[in-house]
Structures are given as structure tokens and as C-alpha cells.
Amino acid sequence: MQDLQKLIDFITRSNWLILLIGGIIGLAMTPVKFAMGIILGGLIVAINFHLLKRTLKTMFHPDTVSVKGRSIVSNVLVKYYIRFAISGVLIFLLISKHIVHPVGLLAGLSVVVASVFLATALELKKIFFKEAV
């Protein structure tokens, strides 16, 4: 369980780091609308990931689980779909009002995917390249 927590914390930190680096590179090398797409898309998914992490920690806490008559799964799913709907509306508004470039937004929305990929690659490296003791 401790390894899983370390992995989730790594993904959370790397979300913000990838967003920061991507935003800086975007501002330096691309038009403003494209860079804003990277930044706003990254913010949307990083905040969603953080809220999902917090929701799952709260809902699967031993005190919450022990309460009888409370549906944990339905509470998690309701919060998930509310966040999903809000994200969809935000993305729709950002694209329809021409605030951001859609490809930049897609790049920003890929921040969590990049973090998970990085975490997976590092874990596989640990597994395959362990030092012989």
C-alpha cells in the first residue's frame, strides 16, 4: 500500500511539473492561444486528478467505509461524473469561444497521461534493472 501511495504522489507531483515545463515551453515557442491551451488543459486535468485522489482517500477511509447504509461507489461515481460534466463544459467553452487552440488544449489535457507513462516507465526500469545483490 505504501508503494501505491508513493506512486500516486509521484504522479501528482509530476502532473504539476510537466504542466509547468509545458507551459513555459509553450509560452516561449508557440502562439499565445496554443500556449493557453496547454496551460488551461493541464490545469483542468491536474485539478481533476487531485480532486479524484482526495475523493478516493475520503471515501475509502476506514471510518467512512464502516458507516452502514452508505454507498461508497455511488458517491465516488456521482462526484466523478459531476467533475466530468464540468470539465466537458469548460473544454466546450474554451474551444467554442476561440480562447485556446484545440491542439494546444489536447496537449495540455495529456499531462496526466504523460505523468502516468513516466511513472510506469520508471517502475518498469526498477523491475527490469534491479541491482544484483
C-alpha atoms as a PDB file:
ATOM      1  CA  MET A   1       0.000   0.000   0.000  1.00  0.00           C
ATOM      2  CA  GLN A   2       2.877   2.337   0.756  1.00  0.00           C
ATOM      3  CA  ASP A   3       4.333   1.736  -2.725  1.00  0.00           C
ATOM      4  CA  LEU A   4       0.981   2.623  -4.266  1.00  0.00           C
ATOM      5  CA  GLN A   5       0.850   5.852  -2.255  1.00  0.00           C
ATOM      6  CA  LYS A   6       4.370   6.745  -3.400  1.00  0.00           C
ATOM      7  CA  LEU A   7       3.345   6.115  -6.996  1.00  0.00           C
ATOM      8  CA  ILE A   8       0.231   8.291  -6.710  1.00  0.00           C
ATOM      9  CA  ASP A   9       2.228  11.073  -5.039  1.00  0.00           C
ATOM     10  CA  PHE A  10       4.830  10.852  -7.818  1.00  0.00           C
ATOM     11  CA  ILE A  11       2.106  11.154 -10.468  1.00  0.00           C
ATOM     12  CA  THR A  12       0.570  14.127  -8.660  1.00  0.00           C
ATOM     13  CA  ARG A  13       3.918  15.939  -8.426  1.00  0.00           C
ATOM     14  CA  SER A  14       4.880  15.123 -11.984  1.00  0.00           C
ATOM     15  CA  ASN A  15       1.495  16.428 -13.232  1.00  0.00           C
ATOM     16  CA  TRP A  16       2.353  19.874 -11.925  1.00  0.00           C
ATOM     17  CA  LEU A  17       5.970  19.671 -13.083  1.00  0.00           C
ATOM     18  CA  ILE A  18       5.026  18.612 -16.624  1.00  0.00           C
ATOM     19  CA  LEU A  19       2.367  21.335 -16.709  1.00  0.00           C
ATOM     20  CA  LEU A  20       4.907  23.949 -15.587  1.00  0.00           C
ATOM     21  CA  ILE A  21       7.542  22.858 -18.107  1.00  0.00           C
ATOM     22  CA  GLY A  22       4.995  22.503 -20.918  1.00  0.00           C
ATOM     23  CA  GLY A  23       3.500  25.902 -20.139  1.00  0.00           C
ATOM     24  CA  ILE A  24       6.888  27.610 -20.132  1.00  0.00           C
ATOM     25  CA  ILE A  25       7.930  25.939 -23.388  1.00  0.00           C
ATOM     26  CA  GLY A  26       4.542  26.758 -24.899  1.00  0.00           C
ATOM     27  CA  LEU A  27       4.778  30.420 -23.931  1.00  0.00           C
ATOM     28  CA  ALA A  28       8.316  30.658 -25.278  1.00  0.00           C
ATOM     29  CA  MET A  29       7.829  28.825 -28.586  1.00  0.00           C
ATOM     30  CA  THR A  30       4.174  28.911 -29.653  1.00  0.00           C
ATOM     31  CA  PRO A  31       1.416  31.472 -30.220  1.00  0.00           C
ATOM     32  CA  VAL A  32      -0.434  32.660 -27.120  1.00  0.00           C
ATOM     33  CA  LYS A  33      -3.660  30.741 -27.893  1.00  0.00           C
ATOM     34  CA  PHE A  34      -1.730  27.493 -28.261  1.00  0.00           C
ATOM     35  CA  ALA A  35       0.216  28.101 -25.036  1.00  0.00           C
ATOM     36  CA  MET A  36      -3.005  28.983 -23.199  1.00  0.00           C
ATOM     37  CA  GLY A  37      -4.473  25.696 -24.450  1.00  0.00           C
ATOM     38  CA  ILE A  38      -1.554  23.803 -22.940  1.00  0.00           C
ATOM     39  CA  ILE A  39      -1.818  25.645 -19.633  1.00  0.00           C
ATOM     40  CA  LEU A  40      -5.611  25.546 -19.255  1.00  0.00           C
ATOM     41  CA  GLY A  41      -5.893  21.924 -20.430  1.00  0.00           C
ATOM     42  CA  GLY A  42      -3.161  20.924 -17.994  1.00  0.00           C
ATOM     43  CA  LEU A  43      -4.879  22.779 -15.176  1.00  0.00           C
ATOM     44  CA  ILE A  44      -8.202  21.077 -15.900  1.00  0.00           C
ATOM     45  CA  VAL A  45      -6.769  17.547 -15.749  1.00  0.00           C
ATOM     46  CA  ALA A  46      -4.330  18.197 -12.901  1.00  0.00           C
ATOM     47  CA  ILE A  47      -7.089  19.637 -10.716  1.00  0.00           C
ATOM     48  CA  ASN A  48      -9.409  16.751 -11.693  1.00  0.00           C
ATOM     49  CA  PHE A  49      -6.730  14.216 -10.766  1.00  0.00           C
ATOM     50  CA  HIS A  50      -6.129  15.948  -7.436  1.00  0.00           C
ATOM     51  CA  LEU A  51      -9.862  16.018  -6.640  1.00  0.00           C
ATOM     52  CA  LEU A  52     -10.263  12.358  -7.626  1.00  0.00           C
ATOM     53  CA  LYS A  53      -7.356  11.427  -5.358  1.00  0.00           C
ATOM     54  CA  ARG A  54      -8.927  13.361  -2.476  1.00  0.00           C
ATOM     55  CA  THR A  55     -12.363  11.836  -3.092  1.00  0.00           C
ATOM     56  CA  LEU A  56     -10.978   8.293  -3.109  1.00  0.00           C
ATOM     57  CA  LYS A  57      -8.944   8.899   0.062  1.00  0.00           C
ATOM     58  CA  THR A  58     -12.023  10.253   1.822  1.00  0.00           C
ATOM     59  CA  MET A  59     -14.423   7.587   0.628  1.00  0.00           C
ATOM     60  CA  PHE A  60     -12.139   4.637   1.367  1.00  0.00           C
ATOM     61  CA  HIS A  61     -11.035   5.878   4.777  1.00  0.00           C
ATOM     62  CA  PRO A  62     -11.809   3.189   7.396  1.00  0.00           C
ATOM     63  CA  ASP A  63     -14.257   5.470   9.233  1.00  0.00           C
ATOM     64  CA  THR A  64     -16.244   6.141   6.064  1.00  0.00           C
ATOM     65  CA  VAL A  65     -16.242   2.506   4.985  1.00  0.00           C
ATOM     66  CA  SER A  66     -17.549   1.352   8.359  1.00  0.00           C
ATOM     67  CA  VAL A  67     -20.646   3.574   8.173  1.00  0.00           C
ATOM     68  CA  LYS A  68     -23.591   1.320   7.352  1.00  0.00           C
ATOM     69  CA  GLY A  69     -26.126   2.138   4.668  1.00  0.00           C
ATOM     70  CA  ARG A  70     -23.778   4.398   2.765  1.00  0.00           C
ATOM     71  CA  SER A  71     -22.955   3.598  -0.838  1.00  0.00           C
ATOM     72  CA  ILE A  72     -19.317   4.467  -1.354  1.00  0.00           C
ATOM     73  CA  VAL A  73     -19.204   3.543  -5.017  1.00  0.00           C
ATOM     74  CA  SER A  74     -22.222   5.644  -5.912  1.00  0.00           C
ATOM     75  CA  ASN A  75     -20.777   8.654  -4.045  1.00  0.00           C
ATOM     76  CA  VAL A  76     -17.478   8.326  -5.889  1.00  0.00           C
ATOM     77  CA  LEU A  77     -19.221   7.918  -9.246  1.00  0.00           C
ATOM     78  CA  VAL A  78     -21.533  10.883  -8.678  1.00  0.00           C
ATOM     79  CA  LYS A  79     -18.583  13.143  -7.846  1.00  0.00           C
ATOM     80  CA  TYR A  80     -16.653  11.749 -10.803  1.00  0.00           C
ATOM     81  CA  TYR A  81     -19.458  12.450 -13.274  1.00  0.00           C
ATOM     82  CA  ILE A  82     -20.020  15.935 -11.879  1.00  0.00           C
ATOM     83  CA  ARG A  83     -16.323  16.717 -12.421  1.00  0.00           C
ATOM     84  CA  PHE A  84     -16.516  15.111 -15.868  1.00  0.00           C
ATOM     85  CA  ALA A  85     -19.501  17.279 -16.842  1.00  0.00           C
ATOM     86  CA  ILE A  86     -17.852  20.459 -15.542  1.00  0.00           C
ATOM     87  CA  SER A  87     -14.669  19.604 -17.443  1.00  0.00           C
ATOM     88  CA  GLY A  88     -16.678  18.988 -20.606  1.00  0.00           C
ATOM     89  CA  VAL A  89     -18.435  22.331 -20.306  1.00  0.00           C
ATOM     90  CA  LEU A  90     -15.122  24.122 -19.685  1.00  0.00           C
ATOM     91  CA  ILE A  91     -13.497  22.435 -22.686  1.00  0.00           C
ATOM     92  CA  PHE A  92     -16.511  23.249 -24.860  1.00  0.00           C
ATOM     93  CA  LEU A  93     -16.424  26.913 -23.826  1.00  0.00           C
ATOM     94  CA  LEU A  94     -12.674  27.212 -24.318  1.00  0.00           C
ATOM     95  CA  ILE A  95     -12.903  25.826 -27.853  1.00  0.00           C
ATOM     96  CA  SER A  96     -16.215  27.400 -28.944  1.00  0.00           C
ATOM     97  CA  LYS A  97     -15.258  30.903 -27.746  1.00  0.00           C
ATOM     98  CA  HIS A  98     -11.859  30.535 -29.501  1.00  0.00           C
ATOM     99  CA  ILE A  99      -9.980  31.209 -26.267  1.00  0.00           C
ATOM    100  CA  VAL A 100      -7.472  28.403 -26.902  1.00  0.00           C
ATOM    101  CA  HIS A 101      -6.168  26.414 -29.840  1.00  0.00           C
ATOM    102  CA  PRO A 102      -7.721  22.902 -29.793  1.00  0.00           C
ATOM    103  CA  VAL A 103      -4.398  21.135 -30.394  1.00  0.00           C
ATOM    104  CA  GLY A 104      -2.786  23.080 -27.531  1.00  0.00           C
ATOM    105  CA  LEU A 105      -5.718  22.131 -25.322  1.00  0.00           C
ATOM    106  CA  LEU A 106      -5.288  18.486 -26.305  1.00  0.00           C
ATOM    107  CA  ALA A 107      -1.598  18.694 -25.418  1.00  0.00           C
ATOM    108  CA  GLY A 108      -2.493  20.179 -22.040  1.00  0.00           C
ATOM    109  CA  LEU A 109      -5.134  17.542 -21.406  1.00  0.00           C
ATOM    110  CA  SER A 110      -2.426  14.915 -21.898  1.00  0.00           C
ATOM    111  CA  VAL A 111      -0.495  15.965 -18.790  1.00  0.00           C
ATOM    112  CA  VAL A 112      -1.846  13.177 -16.589  1.00  0.00           C
ATOM    113  CA  VAL A 113      -1.295  10.618 -19.354  1.00  0.00           C
ATOM    114  CA  ALA A 114       2.336  11.750 -19.621  1.00  0.00           C
ATOM    115  CA  SER A 115       2.728  11.517 -15.832  1.00  0.00           C
ATOM    116  CA  VAL A 116       1.293   8.008 -15.712  1.00  0.00           C
ATOM    117  CA  PHE A 117       3.503   6.970 -18.639  1.00  0.00           C
ATOM    118  CA  LEU A 118       6.571   8.394 -16.876  1.00  0.00           C
ATOM    119  CA  ALA A 119       5.680   6.623 -13.620  1.00  0.00           C
ATOM    120  CA  THR A 120       5.152   3.352 -15.488  1.00  0.00           C
ATOM    121  CA  ALA A 121       8.472   3.663 -17.295  1.00  0.00           C
ATOM    122  CA  LEU A 122      10.307   4.349 -14.028  1.00  0.00           C
ATOM    123  CA  GLU A 123       8.637   1.402 -12.286  1.00  0.00           C
ATOM    124  CA  LEU A 124       9.468  -0.921 -15.181  1.00  0.00           C
ATOM    125  CA  LYS A 125      13.049   0.306 -15.069  1.00  0.00           C
ATOM    126  CA  LYS A 126      13.183  -0.592 -11.355  1.00  0.00           C
ATOM    127  CA  ILE A 127      11.782  -4.048 -12.056  1.00  0.00           C
ATOM    128  CA  PHE A 128      13.988  -4.937 -15.022  1.00  0.00           C
ATOM    129  CA  PHE A 129      17.220  -3.285 -13.945  1.00  0.00           C
ATOM    130  CA  LYS A 130      17.415  -4.234 -10.276  1.00  0.00           C
ATOM    131  CA  GLU A 131      20.910  -4.478  -8.933  1.00  0.00           C
ATOM    132  CA  ALA A 132      22.047  -7.987  -8.316  1.00  0.00           C
ATOM    133  CA  VAL A 133      22.601  -8.445  -4.604  1.00  0.00           C
END
